[in-house]
N, C-alpha and C. Protein backbone atom coordinates (compact mmCIF):
# COMPACT_ATOMS: atom_id res chain seq x y z
N UNK A 1 9.90 -36.50 49.39
CA UNK A 1 10.21 -35.22 48.77
C UNK A 1 8.93 -34.60 48.24
N UNK A 2 8.77 -33.32 48.50
CA UNK A 2 7.66 -32.60 47.91
C UNK A 2 7.94 -32.40 46.43
N UNK A 3 6.94 -32.63 45.60
CA UNK A 3 7.17 -32.46 44.16
C UNK A 3 7.39 -31.00 43.83
N UNK A 4 8.19 -30.75 42.80
CA UNK A 4 8.32 -29.40 42.26
C UNK A 4 7.77 -29.43 40.85
N UNK A 5 7.04 -28.40 40.50
CA UNK A 5 6.36 -28.38 39.21
C UNK A 5 6.68 -27.12 38.44
N UNK A 6 6.81 -27.27 37.16
CA UNK A 6 6.64 -26.15 36.26
C UNK A 6 5.26 -26.41 35.66
N UNK A 7 4.86 -25.66 34.67
CA UNK A 7 3.52 -25.84 34.12
C UNK A 7 3.30 -27.26 33.59
N UNK A 8 4.34 -27.86 33.01
CA UNK A 8 4.15 -29.16 32.37
C UNK A 8 5.12 -30.23 32.84
N UNK A 9 6.01 -29.90 33.79
CA UNK A 9 7.02 -30.86 34.25
C UNK A 9 6.86 -31.10 35.74
N UNK A 10 6.91 -32.36 36.12
CA UNK A 10 6.80 -32.76 37.52
C UNK A 10 8.12 -33.41 37.92
N UNK A 11 8.72 -32.95 39.03
CA UNK A 11 9.95 -33.52 39.56
C UNK A 11 9.62 -34.26 40.85
N UNK A 12 9.99 -35.53 40.93
CA UNK A 12 9.73 -36.33 42.12
C UNK A 12 11.01 -37.02 42.57
N UNK A 13 11.22 -37.12 43.88
CA UNK A 13 12.26 -37.99 44.41
C UNK A 13 11.53 -39.10 45.13
N UNK A 14 11.71 -40.33 44.65
CA UNK A 14 11.00 -41.47 45.20
C UNK A 14 11.97 -42.49 45.76
N UNK A 15 11.67 -42.96 46.97
CA UNK A 15 12.35 -44.13 47.48
C UNK A 15 11.67 -45.31 46.81
N UNK A 16 12.42 -46.08 46.07
CA UNK A 16 11.82 -47.13 45.24
C UNK A 16 11.17 -48.24 46.05
N UNK A 17 11.38 -48.25 47.37
CA UNK A 17 10.79 -49.30 48.20
C UNK A 17 9.37 -48.96 48.65
N UNK A 18 9.05 -47.68 48.81
CA UNK A 18 7.70 -47.32 49.28
C UNK A 18 7.07 -46.25 48.39
N UNK A 19 7.26 -46.41 47.09
CA UNK A 19 6.79 -45.38 46.16
C UNK A 19 5.27 -45.28 46.11
N UNK A 20 4.56 -46.40 46.35
CA UNK A 20 3.09 -46.35 46.27
C UNK A 20 2.53 -45.31 47.24
N UNK A 21 3.03 -45.34 48.49
CA UNK A 21 2.57 -44.37 49.48
C UNK A 21 2.90 -42.95 49.05
N UNK A 22 4.05 -42.79 48.44
CA UNK A 22 4.47 -41.45 48.03
C UNK A 22 3.63 -40.92 46.87
N UNK A 23 3.13 -41.81 46.04
CA UNK A 23 2.33 -41.37 44.89
C UNK A 23 0.88 -41.07 45.23
N UNK A 24 0.43 -41.52 46.41
CA UNK A 24 -0.97 -41.29 46.78
C UNK A 24 -1.33 -39.80 46.80
N UNK A 25 -0.35 -38.96 47.05
CA UNK A 25 -0.60 -37.53 47.12
C UNK A 25 -0.77 -36.88 45.76
N UNK A 26 -0.54 -37.63 44.69
CA UNK A 26 -0.59 -37.03 43.36
C UNK A 26 -1.83 -37.50 42.61
N UNK A 27 -2.42 -36.62 41.85
CA UNK A 27 -3.63 -37.00 41.11
C UNK A 27 -3.31 -38.01 40.02
N UNK A 28 -4.22 -38.95 39.84
CA UNK A 28 -4.03 -39.93 38.77
C UNK A 28 -4.39 -39.31 37.43
N UNK A 29 -3.74 -39.80 36.44
CA UNK A 29 -4.05 -39.46 35.05
C UNK A 29 -4.17 -37.96 34.82
N UNK A 30 -3.12 -37.27 35.22
CA UNK A 30 -3.06 -35.83 35.01
C UNK A 30 -2.50 -35.58 33.61
N UNK A 31 -3.38 -35.26 32.67
CA UNK A 31 -2.97 -35.13 31.27
C UNK A 31 -2.22 -33.82 31.00
N UNK A 32 -2.23 -32.90 31.97
CA UNK A 32 -1.50 -31.64 31.78
C UNK A 32 0.00 -31.84 31.88
N UNK A 33 0.43 -32.87 32.61
CA UNK A 33 1.85 -33.12 32.82
C UNK A 33 2.45 -33.74 31.56
N UNK A 34 3.44 -33.07 30.99
CA UNK A 34 4.08 -33.54 29.75
C UNK A 34 5.40 -34.28 30.02
N UNK A 35 6.03 -34.00 31.17
CA UNK A 35 7.29 -34.65 31.51
C UNK A 35 7.34 -34.93 33.01
N UNK A 36 7.83 -36.11 33.37
CA UNK A 36 8.02 -36.47 34.77
C UNK A 36 9.48 -36.86 34.93
N UNK A 37 10.17 -36.16 35.81
CA UNK A 37 11.56 -36.46 36.10
C UNK A 37 11.62 -37.06 37.49
N UNK A 38 12.01 -38.34 37.56
CA UNK A 38 11.99 -39.08 38.82
C UNK A 38 13.41 -39.35 39.27
N UNK A 39 13.70 -38.90 40.48
CA UNK A 39 14.99 -39.19 41.10
C UNK A 39 14.79 -40.37 42.04
N UNK A 40 15.49 -41.47 41.77
CA UNK A 40 15.37 -42.68 42.57
C UNK A 40 16.35 -42.61 43.73
N UNK A 41 15.85 -42.92 44.91
CA UNK A 41 16.67 -42.88 46.12
C UNK A 41 16.71 -44.29 46.72
N UNK A 42 17.69 -45.08 46.29
CA UNK A 42 17.88 -46.42 46.89
C UNK A 42 19.34 -46.83 46.75
N UNK A 43 19.69 -47.97 47.36
CA UNK A 43 21.09 -48.40 47.34
C UNK A 43 21.40 -49.41 46.24
N UNK A 44 20.48 -49.59 45.30
CA UNK A 44 20.66 -50.58 44.24
C UNK A 44 21.26 -49.92 42.99
N UNK A 45 22.58 -49.71 43.00
CA UNK A 45 23.24 -49.04 41.89
C UNK A 45 24.68 -49.49 41.77
N UNK A 46 25.27 -49.21 40.64
CA UNK A 46 26.70 -49.37 40.40
C UNK A 46 27.17 -48.21 39.53
N UNK A 47 28.39 -47.77 39.77
CA UNK A 47 29.02 -46.79 38.90
C UNK A 47 30.02 -47.56 38.05
N UNK A 48 29.73 -47.70 36.76
CA UNK A 48 30.53 -48.54 35.87
C UNK A 48 31.25 -47.66 34.84
N UNK A 49 32.59 -47.75 34.79
CA UNK A 49 33.30 -46.99 33.75
C UNK A 49 32.79 -47.38 32.36
N UNK A 50 32.66 -46.39 31.49
CA UNK A 50 32.10 -46.66 30.16
C UNK A 50 32.92 -47.67 29.37
N UNK A 51 34.23 -47.74 29.64
CA UNK A 51 35.07 -48.70 28.91
C UNK A 51 34.70 -50.14 29.25
N UNK A 52 34.07 -50.37 30.42
CA UNK A 52 33.67 -51.72 30.83
C UNK A 52 32.18 -51.96 30.69
N UNK A 53 31.44 -50.93 30.33
CA UNK A 53 29.98 -51.04 30.35
C UNK A 53 29.44 -51.51 29.00
N UNK A 54 28.71 -52.58 29.05
CA UNK A 54 27.96 -53.09 27.90
C UNK A 54 26.78 -53.85 28.49
N UNK A 55 25.72 -54.06 27.71
CA UNK A 55 24.54 -54.74 28.27
C UNK A 55 24.85 -56.09 28.92
N UNK A 56 25.73 -56.88 28.32
CA UNK A 56 26.03 -58.21 28.88
C UNK A 56 26.83 -58.08 30.17
N UNK A 57 27.90 -57.28 30.15
CA UNK A 57 28.71 -57.11 31.36
C UNK A 57 27.91 -56.44 32.47
N UNK A 58 27.05 -55.51 32.10
CA UNK A 58 26.25 -54.79 33.09
C UNK A 58 25.42 -55.76 33.93
N UNK A 59 24.77 -56.71 33.27
CA UNK A 59 23.98 -57.71 34.01
C UNK A 59 24.86 -58.50 34.97
N UNK A 60 26.02 -58.92 34.50
CA UNK A 60 26.94 -59.67 35.35
C UNK A 60 27.43 -58.86 36.53
N UNK A 61 27.79 -57.59 36.29
CA UNK A 61 28.25 -56.72 37.37
C UNK A 61 27.16 -56.53 38.42
N UNK A 62 25.93 -56.26 37.95
CA UNK A 62 24.82 -56.04 38.89
C UNK A 62 24.54 -57.28 39.71
N UNK A 63 24.52 -58.44 39.08
CA UNK A 63 24.25 -59.67 39.82
C UNK A 63 25.34 -59.96 40.84
N UNK A 64 26.60 -59.74 40.47
CA UNK A 64 27.70 -59.96 41.42
C UNK A 64 27.63 -58.99 42.59
N UNK A 65 27.38 -57.72 42.28
CA UNK A 65 27.42 -56.69 43.32
C UNK A 65 26.17 -56.69 44.21
N UNK A 66 25.00 -56.92 43.61
CA UNK A 66 23.75 -56.75 44.36
C UNK A 66 23.09 -58.08 44.73
N UNK A 67 23.58 -59.17 44.19
CA UNK A 67 22.99 -60.46 44.52
C UNK A 67 22.28 -61.07 43.32
N UNK A 68 22.23 -62.40 43.34
CA UNK A 68 21.70 -63.15 42.20
C UNK A 68 20.26 -62.79 41.86
N UNK A 69 19.46 -62.49 42.88
CA UNK A 69 18.03 -62.22 42.65
C UNK A 69 17.69 -60.73 42.67
N UNK A 70 18.71 -59.88 42.68
CA UNK A 70 18.48 -58.43 42.77
C UNK A 70 17.69 -57.89 41.59
N UNK A 71 17.81 -58.53 40.43
CA UNK A 71 17.17 -58.01 39.23
C UNK A 71 15.73 -58.48 39.06
N UNK A 72 15.27 -59.39 39.90
CA UNK A 72 13.92 -59.92 39.77
C UNK A 72 12.91 -58.80 40.05
N UNK A 73 12.02 -58.58 39.09
CA UNK A 73 10.99 -57.55 39.25
C UNK A 73 11.50 -56.13 39.12
N UNK A 74 12.71 -55.98 38.58
CA UNK A 74 13.29 -54.64 38.46
C UNK A 74 13.78 -54.42 37.03
N UNK A 75 13.89 -53.17 36.67
CA UNK A 75 14.42 -52.78 35.37
C UNK A 75 15.65 -51.92 35.56
N UNK A 76 16.55 -52.02 34.61
CA UNK A 76 17.81 -51.28 34.69
C UNK A 76 17.65 -49.92 34.02
N UNK A 77 18.09 -48.90 34.72
CA UNK A 77 18.15 -47.54 34.17
C UNK A 77 19.60 -47.09 34.25
N UNK A 78 19.96 -46.11 33.44
CA UNK A 78 21.32 -45.58 33.51
C UNK A 78 21.31 -44.07 33.40
N UNK A 79 22.32 -43.49 34.03
CA UNK A 79 22.52 -42.05 34.00
C UNK A 79 24.00 -41.81 33.72
N UNK A 80 24.29 -41.08 32.67
CA UNK A 80 25.69 -40.80 32.33
C UNK A 80 26.29 -39.84 33.34
N UNK A 81 27.48 -40.16 33.82
CA UNK A 81 28.24 -39.28 34.71
C UNK A 81 29.49 -38.89 33.92
N UNK A 82 29.39 -37.81 33.16
CA UNK A 82 30.45 -37.46 32.21
C UNK A 82 31.76 -37.14 32.91
N UNK A 83 31.72 -36.54 34.10
CA UNK A 83 32.95 -36.20 34.82
C UNK A 83 33.77 -37.43 35.15
N UNK A 84 33.12 -38.57 35.28
CA UNK A 84 33.82 -39.82 35.60
C UNK A 84 33.94 -40.74 34.39
N UNK A 85 33.45 -40.32 33.24
CA UNK A 85 33.41 -41.17 32.05
C UNK A 85 32.82 -42.54 32.42
N UNK A 86 31.67 -42.46 33.12
CA UNK A 86 31.05 -43.68 33.66
C UNK A 86 29.54 -43.56 33.55
N UNK A 87 28.89 -44.70 33.70
CA UNK A 87 27.43 -44.75 33.78
C UNK A 87 27.03 -45.15 35.19
N UNK A 88 26.11 -44.40 35.74
CA UNK A 88 25.50 -44.77 37.01
C UNK A 88 24.31 -45.66 36.64
N UNK A 89 24.45 -46.94 36.91
CA UNK A 89 23.44 -47.93 36.54
C UNK A 89 22.67 -48.28 37.81
N UNK A 90 21.34 -48.19 37.75
CA UNK A 90 20.54 -48.42 38.95
C UNK A 90 19.26 -49.17 38.59
N UNK A 91 18.66 -49.74 39.62
CA UNK A 91 17.47 -50.57 39.43
C UNK A 91 16.22 -49.83 39.86
N UNK A 92 15.17 -49.99 39.06
CA UNK A 92 13.87 -49.41 39.34
C UNK A 92 12.85 -50.54 39.30
N UNK A 93 12.04 -50.70 40.36
CA UNK A 93 11.03 -51.76 40.32
C UNK A 93 10.09 -51.59 39.14
N UNK A 94 9.80 -52.70 38.47
CA UNK A 94 8.91 -52.66 37.31
C UNK A 94 7.55 -52.11 37.66
N UNK A 95 7.04 -52.45 38.86
CA UNK A 95 5.71 -51.94 39.22
C UNK A 95 5.72 -50.44 39.50
N UNK A 96 6.87 -49.87 39.87
CA UNK A 96 6.96 -48.42 40.00
C UNK A 96 6.77 -47.79 38.61
N UNK A 97 7.45 -48.35 37.61
CA UNK A 97 7.32 -47.82 36.26
C UNK A 97 5.87 -47.93 35.77
N UNK A 98 5.21 -49.04 36.10
CA UNK A 98 3.81 -49.21 35.71
C UNK A 98 2.91 -48.18 36.39
N UNK A 99 3.14 -47.94 37.70
CA UNK A 99 2.34 -46.95 38.42
C UNK A 99 2.54 -45.55 37.84
N UNK A 100 3.79 -45.19 37.57
CA UNK A 100 4.07 -43.87 37.02
C UNK A 100 3.38 -43.70 35.67
N UNK A 101 3.44 -44.73 34.84
CA UNK A 101 2.78 -44.66 33.53
C UNK A 101 1.27 -44.49 33.68
N UNK A 102 0.69 -45.15 34.69
CA UNK A 102 -0.75 -45.02 34.92
C UNK A 102 -1.11 -43.62 35.44
N UNK A 103 -0.26 -43.06 36.28
CA UNK A 103 -0.53 -41.73 36.84
C UNK A 103 -0.38 -40.64 35.80
N UNK A 104 0.61 -40.80 34.93
CA UNK A 104 0.92 -39.75 33.96
C UNK A 104 1.03 -40.38 32.57
N UNK A 105 -0.11 -40.75 31.98
CA UNK A 105 -0.09 -41.56 30.74
C UNK A 105 0.48 -40.85 29.52
N UNK A 106 0.48 -39.52 29.50
CA UNK A 106 0.94 -38.81 28.32
C UNK A 106 2.31 -38.16 28.51
N UNK A 107 2.94 -38.44 29.64
CA UNK A 107 4.19 -37.76 29.96
C UNK A 107 5.41 -38.56 29.51
N UNK A 108 6.46 -37.82 29.16
CA UNK A 108 7.76 -38.44 28.93
C UNK A 108 8.40 -38.61 30.30
N UNK A 109 8.78 -39.84 30.64
CA UNK A 109 9.27 -40.15 31.98
C UNK A 109 10.77 -40.43 31.92
N UNK A 110 11.53 -39.76 32.77
CA UNK A 110 12.98 -40.00 32.83
C UNK A 110 13.38 -40.25 34.28
N UNK A 111 14.47 -41.02 34.44
CA UNK A 111 14.93 -41.42 35.77
C UNK A 111 16.37 -40.99 35.99
N UNK A 112 16.66 -40.51 37.19
CA UNK A 112 18.02 -40.24 37.64
C UNK A 112 18.18 -40.87 39.01
N UNK A 113 19.39 -40.85 39.55
CA UNK A 113 19.64 -41.43 40.86
C UNK A 113 20.22 -40.39 41.79
N UNK A 114 19.84 -40.46 43.07
CA UNK A 114 20.27 -39.49 44.07
C UNK A 114 21.78 -39.42 44.20
N UNK A 115 22.47 -40.55 44.06
CA UNK A 115 23.93 -40.53 44.22
C UNK A 115 24.59 -39.53 43.28
N UNK A 116 24.01 -39.33 42.10
CA UNK A 116 24.62 -38.42 41.12
C UNK A 116 24.81 -37.02 41.70
N UNK A 117 23.92 -36.59 42.59
CA UNK A 117 24.06 -35.25 43.17
C UNK A 117 25.27 -35.15 44.10
N UNK A 118 25.78 -36.29 44.57
CA UNK A 118 26.96 -36.28 45.45
C UNK A 118 28.27 -36.30 44.67
N UNK A 119 28.23 -36.63 43.40
CA UNK A 119 29.46 -36.79 42.63
C UNK A 119 29.97 -35.43 42.17
N UNK A 120 30.42 -34.66 43.15
CA UNK A 120 30.97 -33.33 42.91
C UNK A 120 32.44 -33.35 43.27
N UNK A 121 33.28 -32.83 42.42
CA UNK A 121 34.72 -32.87 42.67
C UNK A 121 35.12 -31.84 43.72
N UNK A 122 34.84 -32.15 44.96
CA UNK A 122 35.31 -31.34 46.08
C UNK A 122 36.45 -32.10 46.73
N UNK A 123 37.68 -31.79 46.34
CA UNK A 123 38.83 -32.59 46.77
C UNK A 123 38.97 -32.55 48.28
N UNK A 124 39.18 -33.71 48.88
CA UNK A 124 39.37 -33.90 50.32
C UNK A 124 38.09 -33.68 51.13
N UNK A 125 36.97 -33.48 50.47
CA UNK A 125 35.73 -33.21 51.20
C UNK A 125 34.72 -34.31 50.93
N UNK A 126 34.19 -34.86 52.00
CA UNK A 126 33.16 -35.87 51.91
C UNK A 126 31.85 -35.18 51.56
N UNK A 127 31.22 -35.61 50.47
CA UNK A 127 29.95 -35.03 50.03
C UNK A 127 28.84 -36.01 50.37
N UNK A 128 27.77 -35.51 51.00
CA UNK A 128 26.71 -36.37 51.53
C UNK A 128 25.33 -35.92 51.10
N UNK A 129 24.45 -36.88 51.00
CA UNK A 129 23.01 -36.62 50.87
C UNK A 129 22.32 -37.61 51.79
N UNK A 130 21.53 -37.08 52.72
CA UNK A 130 20.82 -37.92 53.69
C UNK A 130 19.33 -37.84 53.39
N UNK A 131 18.71 -39.02 53.27
CA UNK A 131 17.26 -39.07 53.11
C UNK A 131 16.72 -40.26 53.89
N UNK A 132 15.89 -39.95 54.87
CA UNK A 132 15.34 -41.01 55.71
C UNK A 132 16.45 -41.77 56.39
N UNK A 133 16.50 -43.07 56.16
CA UNK A 133 17.52 -43.93 56.77
C UNK A 133 18.56 -44.38 55.75
N UNK A 134 18.88 -43.50 54.80
CA UNK A 134 19.85 -43.82 53.76
C UNK A 134 20.78 -42.62 53.57
N UNK A 135 22.08 -42.89 53.61
CA UNK A 135 23.08 -41.85 53.40
C UNK A 135 23.84 -42.15 52.12
N UNK A 136 23.91 -41.19 51.21
CA UNK A 136 24.70 -41.30 49.99
C UNK A 136 25.97 -40.50 50.20
N UNK A 137 27.11 -41.06 49.79
CA UNK A 137 28.38 -40.41 50.06
C UNK A 137 29.31 -40.53 48.87
N UNK A 138 30.12 -39.49 48.66
CA UNK A 138 31.21 -39.58 47.68
C UNK A 138 32.40 -38.82 48.25
N UNK A 139 33.57 -39.25 47.80
CA UNK A 139 34.81 -38.62 48.26
C UNK A 139 35.81 -38.63 47.11
N UNK A 140 36.41 -37.46 46.88
CA UNK A 140 37.49 -37.33 45.91
C UNK A 140 38.78 -37.01 46.68
N UNK A 141 39.88 -37.62 46.25
CA UNK A 141 41.20 -37.26 46.74
C UNK A 141 42.13 -37.25 45.54
N UNK A 142 42.97 -36.22 45.48
CA UNK A 142 43.82 -36.08 44.29
C UNK A 142 43.00 -36.01 43.02
N UNK A 143 41.80 -35.42 43.12
CA UNK A 143 40.85 -35.31 42.01
C UNK A 143 40.44 -36.66 41.43
N UNK A 144 40.58 -37.73 42.21
CA UNK A 144 40.13 -39.05 41.79
C UNK A 144 39.05 -39.52 42.74
N UNK A 145 38.02 -40.11 42.18
CA UNK A 145 36.93 -40.62 42.99
C UNK A 145 37.42 -41.80 43.82
N UNK A 146 37.27 -41.69 45.13
CA UNK A 146 37.70 -42.75 46.04
C UNK A 146 36.52 -43.55 46.59
N UNK A 147 35.37 -42.90 46.69
CA UNK A 147 34.22 -43.51 47.34
C UNK A 147 32.94 -43.01 46.70
N UNK A 148 32.04 -43.93 46.38
CA UNK A 148 30.69 -43.61 45.92
C UNK A 148 29.82 -44.71 46.51
N UNK A 149 29.04 -44.37 47.53
CA UNK A 149 28.38 -45.41 48.30
C UNK A 149 27.02 -44.93 48.81
N UNK A 150 26.19 -45.91 49.12
CA UNK A 150 24.94 -45.64 49.85
C UNK A 150 24.99 -46.50 51.10
N UNK A 151 24.63 -45.92 52.22
CA UNK A 151 24.72 -46.61 53.50
C UNK A 151 23.38 -46.56 54.22
N UNK A 152 22.70 -47.70 54.35
CA UNK A 152 21.46 -47.71 55.14
C UNK A 152 21.80 -47.74 56.62
N UNK A 153 21.10 -46.94 57.41
CA UNK A 153 21.37 -46.88 58.85
C UNK A 153 20.05 -46.80 59.61
N UNK A 154 20.08 -47.24 60.85
CA UNK A 154 18.88 -47.24 61.68
C UNK A 154 18.88 -46.10 62.70
N UNK A 155 20.06 -45.67 63.12
CA UNK A 155 20.12 -44.63 64.16
C UNK A 155 21.22 -43.64 63.81
N UNK A 156 21.17 -42.49 64.46
CA UNK A 156 22.18 -41.46 64.19
C UNK A 156 23.57 -41.91 64.62
N UNK A 157 23.66 -42.76 65.64
CA UNK A 157 24.99 -43.23 66.06
C UNK A 157 25.59 -44.17 65.00
N UNK A 158 24.76 -44.96 64.34
CA UNK A 158 25.26 -45.80 63.24
C UNK A 158 25.82 -44.93 62.12
N UNK A 159 25.08 -43.88 61.76
CA UNK A 159 25.55 -42.98 60.72
C UNK A 159 26.84 -42.31 61.15
N UNK A 160 26.92 -41.90 62.41
CA UNK A 160 28.13 -41.25 62.92
C UNK A 160 29.33 -42.18 62.81
N UNK A 161 29.17 -43.45 63.20
CA UNK A 161 30.28 -44.39 63.09
C UNK A 161 30.72 -44.57 61.64
N UNK A 162 29.76 -44.62 60.74
CA UNK A 162 30.07 -44.76 59.31
C UNK A 162 30.89 -43.56 58.82
N UNK A 163 30.43 -42.35 59.16
CA UNK A 163 31.13 -41.14 58.71
C UNK A 163 32.52 -41.04 59.35
N UNK A 164 32.62 -41.38 60.63
CA UNK A 164 33.91 -41.35 61.31
C UNK A 164 34.87 -42.37 60.68
N UNK A 165 34.34 -43.53 60.27
CA UNK A 165 35.21 -44.55 59.67
C UNK A 165 35.75 -44.06 58.32
N UNK A 166 34.94 -43.33 57.57
CA UNK A 166 35.43 -42.74 56.31
C UNK A 166 36.51 -41.72 56.61
N UNK A 167 36.25 -40.88 57.60
CA UNK A 167 37.24 -39.85 57.96
C UNK A 167 38.58 -40.51 58.32
N UNK A 168 38.52 -41.55 59.15
CA UNK A 168 39.76 -42.20 59.60
C UNK A 168 40.45 -42.95 58.45
N UNK A 169 39.69 -43.67 57.64
CA UNK A 169 40.27 -44.48 56.56
C UNK A 169 40.97 -43.61 55.51
N UNK A 170 40.44 -42.41 55.28
CA UNK A 170 41.01 -41.55 54.24
C UNK A 170 41.76 -40.34 54.81
N UNK A 171 41.98 -40.34 56.14
CA UNK A 171 42.74 -39.27 56.81
C UNK A 171 42.21 -37.88 56.46
N UNK A 172 40.91 -37.72 56.60
CA UNK A 172 40.28 -36.44 56.26
C UNK A 172 40.41 -35.46 57.43
N UNK A 173 40.66 -34.21 57.10
CA UNK A 173 40.74 -33.16 58.11
C UNK A 173 39.42 -32.39 58.09
N UNK A 174 38.52 -32.71 59.02
CA UNK A 174 37.20 -32.09 59.04
C UNK A 174 37.24 -30.65 59.53
N UNK A 175 38.36 -30.22 60.11
CA UNK A 175 38.47 -28.82 60.48
C UNK A 175 38.60 -27.97 59.22
N UNK A 176 39.43 -28.44 58.28
CA UNK A 176 39.60 -27.71 57.02
C UNK A 176 38.54 -28.05 55.99
N UNK A 177 38.12 -29.33 55.96
CA UNK A 177 37.18 -29.80 54.95
C UNK A 177 36.03 -30.57 55.61
N UNK A 178 35.10 -29.88 56.23
CA UNK A 178 33.98 -30.60 56.86
C UNK A 178 33.11 -31.26 55.80
N UNK A 179 32.40 -32.31 56.18
CA UNK A 179 31.47 -32.93 55.21
C UNK A 179 30.51 -31.90 54.64
N UNK A 180 30.20 -32.07 53.37
CA UNK A 180 29.33 -31.14 52.65
C UNK A 180 28.00 -31.82 52.38
N UNK A 181 26.92 -31.24 52.90
CA UNK A 181 25.59 -31.76 52.62
C UNK A 181 25.06 -31.10 51.35
N UNK A 182 24.65 -31.93 50.40
CA UNK A 182 24.11 -31.44 49.15
C UNK A 182 22.77 -30.77 49.41
N UNK A 183 22.46 -29.75 48.65
CA UNK A 183 21.19 -29.05 48.76
C UNK A 183 20.02 -30.04 48.65
N UNK A 184 19.06 -29.91 49.55
CA UNK A 184 17.90 -30.80 49.58
C UNK A 184 18.05 -31.95 50.54
N UNK A 185 19.25 -32.14 51.07
CA UNK A 185 19.50 -33.22 52.02
C UNK A 185 18.87 -32.91 53.36
N UNK A 186 18.50 -33.97 54.08
CA UNK A 186 18.12 -33.80 55.48
C UNK A 186 19.38 -33.49 56.28
N UNK A 187 19.21 -32.87 57.43
CA UNK A 187 20.36 -32.60 58.29
C UNK A 187 20.82 -33.89 58.95
N UNK A 188 22.05 -33.89 59.42
CA UNK A 188 22.59 -35.05 60.14
C UNK A 188 22.13 -34.95 61.59
N UNK A 189 21.27 -35.89 61.99
CA UNK A 189 20.73 -35.86 63.35
C UNK A 189 21.86 -36.05 64.36
N UNK A 190 21.82 -35.28 65.44
CA UNK A 190 22.80 -35.39 66.54
C UNK A 190 24.24 -35.18 66.07
N UNK A 191 24.43 -34.38 65.03
CA UNK A 191 25.77 -34.17 64.49
C UNK A 191 26.71 -33.58 65.54
N UNK A 192 26.25 -32.61 66.30
CA UNK A 192 27.13 -31.99 67.30
C UNK A 192 27.46 -32.98 68.42
N UNK A 193 26.50 -33.81 68.80
CA UNK A 193 26.73 -34.81 69.83
C UNK A 193 27.85 -35.77 69.44
N UNK A 194 27.89 -36.14 68.15
CA UNK A 194 28.90 -37.08 67.67
C UNK A 194 30.07 -36.41 66.98
N UNK A 195 30.20 -35.09 67.16
CA UNK A 195 31.32 -34.30 66.66
C UNK A 195 31.50 -34.45 65.14
N UNK A 196 30.39 -34.28 64.44
CA UNK A 196 30.43 -34.31 62.98
C UNK A 196 30.11 -32.89 62.48
N UNK A 197 31.16 -32.11 62.18
CA UNK A 197 30.88 -30.79 61.62
C UNK A 197 30.43 -30.97 60.18
N UNK A 198 29.55 -30.14 59.71
CA UNK A 198 29.20 -30.21 58.29
C UNK A 198 28.73 -28.85 57.83
N UNK A 199 28.79 -28.67 56.53
CA UNK A 199 28.30 -27.44 55.92
C UNK A 199 27.29 -27.84 54.85
N UNK A 200 26.44 -26.90 54.47
CA UNK A 200 25.45 -27.18 53.43
C UNK A 200 25.81 -26.43 52.17
N UNK A 201 25.58 -27.10 51.02
CA UNK A 201 25.89 -26.43 49.74
C UNK A 201 24.77 -25.50 49.36
């Protein structure tokens, strides 16, 4: 993602797996930057209802969902999702936080997660954000969240099968409610070839 700047705020979307390469384009120790807002784009997250969320349970949930060693070398961040009365809890590599602090030593640094941009109450409509080889998806039916997921894929046909499986599992009518790509998303490669209609927000 190309950074967006105001005079004192820097907005970055970083894939937490290759952030070093992404930061090379930015000057080190830029003292003019007062705030850095980083959007993390990875599949290491959980959406936990606030009634179940506490520091102790959060660790247990993350280890069960992401694996016993998922937390090694990572720090937990959270983003409140008020519409769901839940916290989007996600992992950020510790060395990413160290690099960001070195690049912007005087800035207030905050973290959000890409999935949050998909959590829009568009009933019966699959909401998507595609970045590189990762697809973020959410689906509401009856105004209830049915799906909040990240799907890593290698080819456009893999992504197509994933999207078609969601359509079939939830009986979605793509003629009336085509998938919605969130602003800033990459386009769905070969969408017409695989009969995936979509619209952009």
